[in-house]
N, C-alpha and C. Protein backbone atom coordinates (compact mmCIF):
# COMPACT_ATOMS: atom_id res chain seq x y z
N UNK A 1 0.73 -1.42 0.22
CA UNK A 1 -0.19 0.15 -0.16
C UNK A 1 0.98 0.95 0.09
N UNK A 2 2.11 1.30 0.77
CA UNK A 2 2.84 2.32 0.32
C UNK A 2 3.41 2.62 -0.84
N UNK A 3 3.62 1.58 -1.34
CA UNK A 3 4.66 2.08 -2.81
C UNK A 3 3.54 2.50 -3.38
N UNK A 4 1.77 1.93 -3.62
CA UNK A 4 1.32 2.94 -3.79
C UNK A 4 0.76 4.33 -4.19
N UNK A 5 1.52 4.62 -2.50
CA UNK A 5 0.96 6.28 -2.27
C UNK A 5 1.92 7.12 -2.74
N UNK A 6 3.21 6.45 -2.87
CA UNK A 6 4.71 6.85 -3.52
C UNK A 6 4.39 7.15 -4.74
N UNK A 7 4.24 6.22 -5.51
CA UNK A 7 3.71 6.14 -7.42
C UNK A 7 3.01 7.41 -7.26
N UNK A 8 1.41 7.06 -6.05
CA UNK A 8 0.59 8.51 -6.46
C UNK A 8 1.02 9.45 -6.51
N UNK A 9 1.95 9.71 -5.25
CA UNK A 9 2.23 11.81 -4.88
C UNK A 9 3.37 11.58 -6.52
N UNK A 10 4.31 10.66 -7.30
CA UNK A 10 4.88 10.92 -7.89
C UNK A 10 4.26 10.89 -8.98
N UNK A 11 3.76 10.73 -9.47
CA UNK A 11 2.70 10.24 -10.71
C UNK A 11 1.80 12.53 -11.05
N UNK A 12 1.30 13.03 -8.99
CA UNK A 12 0.45 14.29 -9.74
C UNK A 12 1.71 15.47 -9.17
N UNK A 13 2.26 15.26 -8.70
CA UNK A 13 4.20 15.80 -9.25
C UNK A 13 4.60 15.97 -10.54
N UNK A 14 4.34 14.88 -11.33
CA UNK A 14 4.63 14.84 -12.82
C UNK A 14 3.71 16.01 -13.39
N UNK A 15 2.40 15.49 -13.35
CA UNK A 15 1.48 15.82 -14.01
C UNK A 15 1.38 17.55 -13.14
N UNK A 16 1.49 18.57 -12.42
CA UNK A 16 1.35 19.67 -12.09
C UNK A 16 2.20 20.18 -12.56
N UNK A 17 3.68 19.50 -12.95
CA UNK A 17 5.10 20.12 -12.64
C UNK A 17 4.94 20.34 -14.21
N UNK A 18 4.27 19.56 -15.19
CA UNK A 18 4.24 19.29 -16.39
C UNK A 18 3.21 20.90 -17.11
N UNK A 19 2.33 20.81 -16.18
CA UNK A 19 1.28 21.95 -16.43
C UNK A 19 1.65 23.57 -16.20
N UNK A 20 3.06 23.50 -15.15
CA UNK A 20 3.12 25.09 -14.56
C UNK A 20 3.61 25.86 -15.59
N UNK A 21 3.39 26.88 -15.96
CA UNK A 21 4.94 28.07 -17.46
C UNK A 21 5.94 28.15 -17.29
N UNK A 22 6.71 28.08 -18.32
CA UNK A 22 7.43 27.83 -18.04
C UNK A 22 8.30 29.19 -17.60
N UNK A 23 9.63 29.73 -17.76
CA UNK A 23 10.29 31.27 -17.27
C UNK A 23 9.80 32.14 -18.36
N UNK A 24 10.26 31.02 -19.39
CA UNK A 24 10.44 32.15 -20.43
C UNK A 24 9.00 32.58 -21.05
N UNK A 25 7.70 31.64 -20.83
CA UNK A 25 6.58 32.59 -20.85
C UNK A 25 5.87 33.70 -20.27
N UNK A 26 6.68 32.91 -18.82
CA UNK A 26 5.92 34.12 -17.74
C UNK A 26 6.72 35.73 -18.31
N UNK A 27 7.89 35.37 -18.34
CA UNK A 27 8.59 36.48 -19.28
C UNK A 27 7.90 37.17 -20.60
N UNK A 28 7.25 36.90 -21.17
CA UNK A 28 6.83 37.27 -22.28
C UNK A 28 5.53 37.96 -21.77
N UNK A 29 4.68 37.26 -20.82
CA UNK A 29 3.30 37.38 -20.23
C UNK A 29 3.47 38.78 -19.36
N UNK A 30 4.61 39.12 -19.48
CA UNK A 30 4.93 40.55 -17.88
C UNK A 30 4.59 40.19 -16.46
N UNK A 31 4.75 38.68 -15.83
CA UNK A 31 4.59 37.85 -14.92
C UNK A 31 6.01 38.77 -14.19
N UNK A 32 6.78 38.46 -14.62
CA UNK A 32 8.22 38.91 -14.20
C UNK A 32 8.47 40.09 -13.95
N UNK A 33 9.29 40.65 -12.82
CA UNK A 33 9.41 42.37 -12.65
C UNK A 33 10.28 42.76 -14.23
N UNK A 34 10.21 44.00 -15.01
CA UNK A 34 10.92 44.23 -15.79
C UNK A 34 12.34 43.73 -16.39
N UNK A 35 13.26 43.97 -15.38
CA UNK A 35 14.49 43.67 -15.04
C UNK A 35 14.92 41.90 -15.31
N UNK A 36 14.02 41.38 -14.59
CA UNK A 36 14.32 39.90 -15.39
C UNK A 36 13.28 39.18 -16.05
N UNK A 37 12.52 39.81 -16.45
CA UNK A 37 11.45 39.78 -17.37
C UNK A 37 12.59 39.53 -19.37
N UNK A 38 13.60 41.20 -18.85
CA UNK A 38 14.26 41.64 -20.26
C UNK A 38 15.42 40.31 -19.97
N UNK A 39 16.03 40.20 -18.77
CA UNK A 39 17.35 39.29 -18.91
C UNK A 39 16.49 37.93 -19.25
N UNK A 40 15.47 37.17 -19.15
CA UNK A 40 15.39 35.89 -19.34
C UNK A 40 15.24 36.40 -20.75
N UNK A 41 14.66 37.12 -21.79
CA UNK A 41 14.24 37.18 -22.62
C UNK A 41 15.79 37.63 -23.58
N UNK A 42 16.61 38.12 -23.39
CA UNK A 42 18.00 38.47 -23.78
C UNK A 42 18.58 36.89 -23.58
N UNK A 43 18.40 36.34 -22.83
CA UNK A 43 19.38 35.16 -22.87
C UNK A 43 18.66 34.31 -23.56
N UNK A 44 17.05 33.84 -23.79
CA UNK A 44 16.80 32.84 -24.83
C UNK A 44 17.04 33.48 -25.95
N UNK A 45 17.14 34.54 -26.01
CA UNK A 45 17.26 35.46 -28.19
C UNK A 45 18.91 34.79 -28.04
N UNK A 46 19.74 34.82 -27.75
CA UNK A 46 21.09 35.06 -27.46
C UNK A 46 21.66 33.44 -28.07
N UNK A 47 20.62 32.70 -27.27
CA UNK A 47 21.09 30.81 -27.75
C UNK A 47 20.65 31.08 -29.05
N UNK A 48 20.20 31.93 -29.59
CA UNK A 48 20.03 31.20 -31.19
C UNK A 48 21.55 31.89 -32.34
N UNK A 49 21.73 31.18 -32.98
CA UNK A 49 22.62 31.57 -33.95
C UNK A 49 23.01 32.98 -34.30
N UNK A 50 21.76 33.48 -34.64
CA UNK A 50 22.07 34.58 -35.59
C UNK A 50 21.60 35.93 -34.55
N UNK A 51 21.19 35.61 -33.19
CA UNK A 51 21.23 36.77 -32.29
C UNK A 51 21.99 36.38 -31.11
N UNK A 52 23.35 35.18 -31.33
CA UNK A 52 24.17 35.22 -30.28
C UNK A 52 25.35 36.23 -29.92
N UNK A 53 25.39 37.17 -30.94
CA UNK A 53 26.22 39.02 -30.32
C UNK A 53 25.14 39.87 -30.06
N UNK A 54 23.71 39.53 -30.07
CA UNK A 54 23.23 40.53 -29.54
C UNK A 54 23.54 41.25 -27.79
N UNK A 55 23.21 42.42 -28.09
CA UNK A 55 24.12 43.41 -27.21
C UNK A 55 22.53 44.02 -26.80
N UNK A 56 22.08 43.41 -25.49
CA UNK A 56 20.66 43.78 -25.20
C UNK A 56 20.51 45.08 -24.81
N UNK A 57 22.05 45.89 -24.12
CA UNK A 57 21.70 47.27 -23.83
C UNK A 57 21.48 48.16 -24.82
N UNK A 58 22.04 48.45 -25.53
CA UNK A 58 22.05 48.68 -27.23
C UNK A 58 20.83 48.30 -27.83
N UNK A 59 20.38 47.76 -28.43
CA UNK A 59 19.35 46.80 -28.64
C UNK A 59 17.85 47.72 -28.43
N UNK A 60 17.44 48.07 -27.08
CA UNK A 60 16.39 48.27 -26.59
C UNK A 60 16.52 49.97 -27.26
N UNK A 61 17.45 50.84 -26.57
CA UNK A 61 17.67 52.21 -26.93
C UNK A 61 17.83 52.19 -28.77
N UNK A 62 18.48 51.51 -29.35
CA UNK A 62 18.74 51.99 -30.94
C UNK A 62 17.55 51.93 -31.63
N UNK A 63 16.79 50.32 -31.12
CA UNK A 63 15.95 49.89 -32.31
C UNK A 63 14.44 50.65 -31.88
N UNK A 64 14.56 50.98 -30.61
CA UNK A 64 12.88 51.70 -30.42
C UNK A 64 12.96 52.76 -30.89
N UNK A 65 14.12 53.55 -31.48
CA UNK A 65 13.48 54.69 -31.74
C UNK A 65 13.50 54.44 -33.70
N UNK A 66 13.80 53.44 -33.93
CA UNK A 66 12.77 53.47 -35.39
C UNK A 66 11.44 53.28 -35.32
N UNK A 67 11.23 52.99 -34.20
CA UNK A 67 9.72 52.84 -34.54
C UNK A 67 8.66 54.23 -34.81
N UNK A 68 7.43 54.16 -35.63
CA UNK A 68 6.98 55.57 -35.31
C UNK A 68 6.02 55.97 -34.32
N UNK A 69 5.86 55.04 -33.09
CA UNK A 69 4.42 55.36 -32.04
C UNK A 69 5.85 55.73 -31.19
N UNK A 70 5.35 56.69 -30.46
CA UNK A 70 5.20 56.90 -29.07
C UNK A 70 5.54 55.99 -27.91
N UNK A 71 4.42 55.18 -27.69
CA UNK A 71 4.75 54.28 -26.68
C UNK A 71 5.52 52.93 -27.13
N UNK A 72 5.97 52.74 -28.09
CA UNK A 72 7.04 51.57 -28.58
C UNK A 72 8.39 52.08 -28.26
N UNK A 73 8.36 53.65 -28.67
CA UNK A 73 9.42 54.74 -28.30
C UNK A 73 10.12 54.44 -27.24
N UNK A 74 9.13 54.76 -26.02
CA UNK A 74 9.37 54.45 -24.60
C UNK A 74 9.55 52.89 -23.85
N UNK A 75 9.51 52.15 -25.09
CA UNK A 75 9.91 50.66 -24.47
C UNK A 75 10.39 50.58 -23.40
N UNK A 76 10.45 50.03 -22.37
CA UNK A 76 11.38 49.61 -21.51
C UNK A 76 11.84 47.76 -21.75
N UNK A 77 10.60 46.98 -22.28
CA UNK A 77 10.50 45.85 -22.00
C UNK A 77 11.21 45.14 -23.13
N UNK A 78 11.29 43.78 -23.53
CA UNK A 78 11.36 43.32 -24.58
C UNK A 78 10.39 42.60 -25.68
N UNK A 79 9.39 42.49 -24.51
CA UNK A 79 8.24 41.84 -24.65
C UNK A 79 7.22 43.17 -24.96
N UNK A 80 7.27 44.55 -25.26
CA UNK A 80 6.58 45.24 -26.27
C UNK A 80 6.91 45.23 -27.77
N UNK A 81 7.92 44.64 -28.23
CA UNK A 81 7.81 44.24 -29.43
C UNK A 81 8.02 42.88 -29.60
N UNK A 82 8.31 41.88 -29.12
CA UNK A 82 8.48 40.90 -29.54
C UNK A 82 7.56 39.92 -28.35
N UNK A 83 7.44 38.73 -28.80
CA UNK A 83 6.63 37.83 -28.45
C UNK A 83 6.33 36.53 -28.84
N UNK A 84 6.37 35.42 -27.57
CA UNK A 84 6.27 33.93 -27.65
C UNK A 84 4.85 33.77 -28.05
N UNK A 85 4.88 32.16 -28.87
CA UNK A 85 3.98 31.68 -28.45
C UNK A 85 4.56 30.18 -28.14
N UNK A 86 4.00 29.33 -27.15
CA UNK A 86 4.27 28.26 -26.69
C UNK A 86 3.06 26.99 -26.24
N UNK A 87 3.52 26.11 -27.62
CA UNK A 87 2.42 24.91 -27.54
C UNK A 87 3.14 23.53 -26.85
N UNK A 88 2.26 22.85 -26.70
CA UNK A 88 2.00 22.14 -25.17
C UNK A 88 3.08 21.47 -24.86
N UNK A 89 3.86 20.96 -26.17
CA UNK A 89 4.76 20.13 -25.96
C UNK A 89 6.24 21.02 -25.91
N UNK A 90 5.82 22.52 -25.24
CA UNK A 90 7.21 23.48 -25.27
C UNK A 90 7.88 23.96 -26.23
N UNK A 91 7.25 23.62 -27.46
CA UNK A 91 8.05 24.49 -29.04
C UNK A 91 7.28 25.48 -28.37
N UNK A 92 8.63 26.48 -29.24
CA UNK A 92 8.35 27.89 -28.94
C UNK A 92 8.58 28.87 -30.81
N UNK A 93 7.54 29.53 -30.57
CA UNK A 93 7.33 30.11 -31.81
C UNK A 93 7.86 31.83 -31.50
N UNK A 94 8.67 32.62 -31.98
CA UNK A 94 8.62 33.92 -31.90
C UNK A 94 7.84 34.46 -33.09
N UNK A 95 8.28 35.84 -32.52
CA UNK A 95 6.98 36.80 -33.33
C UNK A 95 7.53 38.12 -32.90
N UNK A 96 7.88 39.16 -33.73
CA UNK A 96 8.66 40.23 -33.76
C UNK A 96 7.43 41.55 -34.64
N UNK A 97 6.92 42.25 -34.03
CA UNK A 97 6.32 43.51 -34.33
C UNK A 97 7.57 44.71 -34.57
N UNK A 98 7.49 44.82 -36.09
CA UNK A 98 8.53 45.30 -36.45
C UNK A 98 8.04 46.62 -36.94
N UNK A 99 8.82 48.10 -36.77
CA UNK A 99 8.53 49.63 -36.83
C UNK A 99 7.63 49.33 -38.18
N UNK A 100 7.91 48.88 -39.17
CA UNK A 100 6.64 48.99 -40.84
C UNK A 100 5.58 48.48 -40.56
N UNK A 101 5.16 47.97 -39.02
CA UNK A 101 4.22 46.77 -39.13
C UNK A 101 3.10 47.88 -37.60
N UNK A 102 4.18 48.85 -37.47
CA UNK A 102 3.12 50.00 -36.13
C UNK A 102 2.37 50.80 -36.89
N UNK A 103 1.57 51.56 -36.20
CA UNK A 103 0.68 52.53 -36.52
C UNK A 103 1.30 53.94 -36.30
N UNK A 104 1.69 54.74 -36.35
CA UNK A 104 2.01 56.02 -35.55
C UNK A 104 0.91 56.43 -34.73
N UNK A 105 0.27 55.86 -34.40
CA UNK A 105 -1.39 56.53 -33.53
C UNK A 105 -1.13 55.61 -32.41
N UNK A 106 -0.63 54.74 -32.30
CA UNK A 106 -0.68 53.67 -30.63
C UNK A 106 0.28 53.94 -30.28
């Protein structure tokens, strides 16, 4: 009987741990403080071979100036321009809202 209890506890733990949101998803959902969320986003972006040389501090300052919208120009968080979609299996699709896609009225 004791073994069944242990197996049950392990099964429940595995089920609920699979349902928890990843830190990456929390960062892009705004559930983390700004600095921590940006750090998670930067590290994720730098893990990609295309963005491995990304300079986080320069990126927000320089790229935000290219947007026609004042709200984007004042952006302090990566998630203002970038977002992700994560499926059930944890596969992530990255998305970016580029300056040419943003209206100056936003």
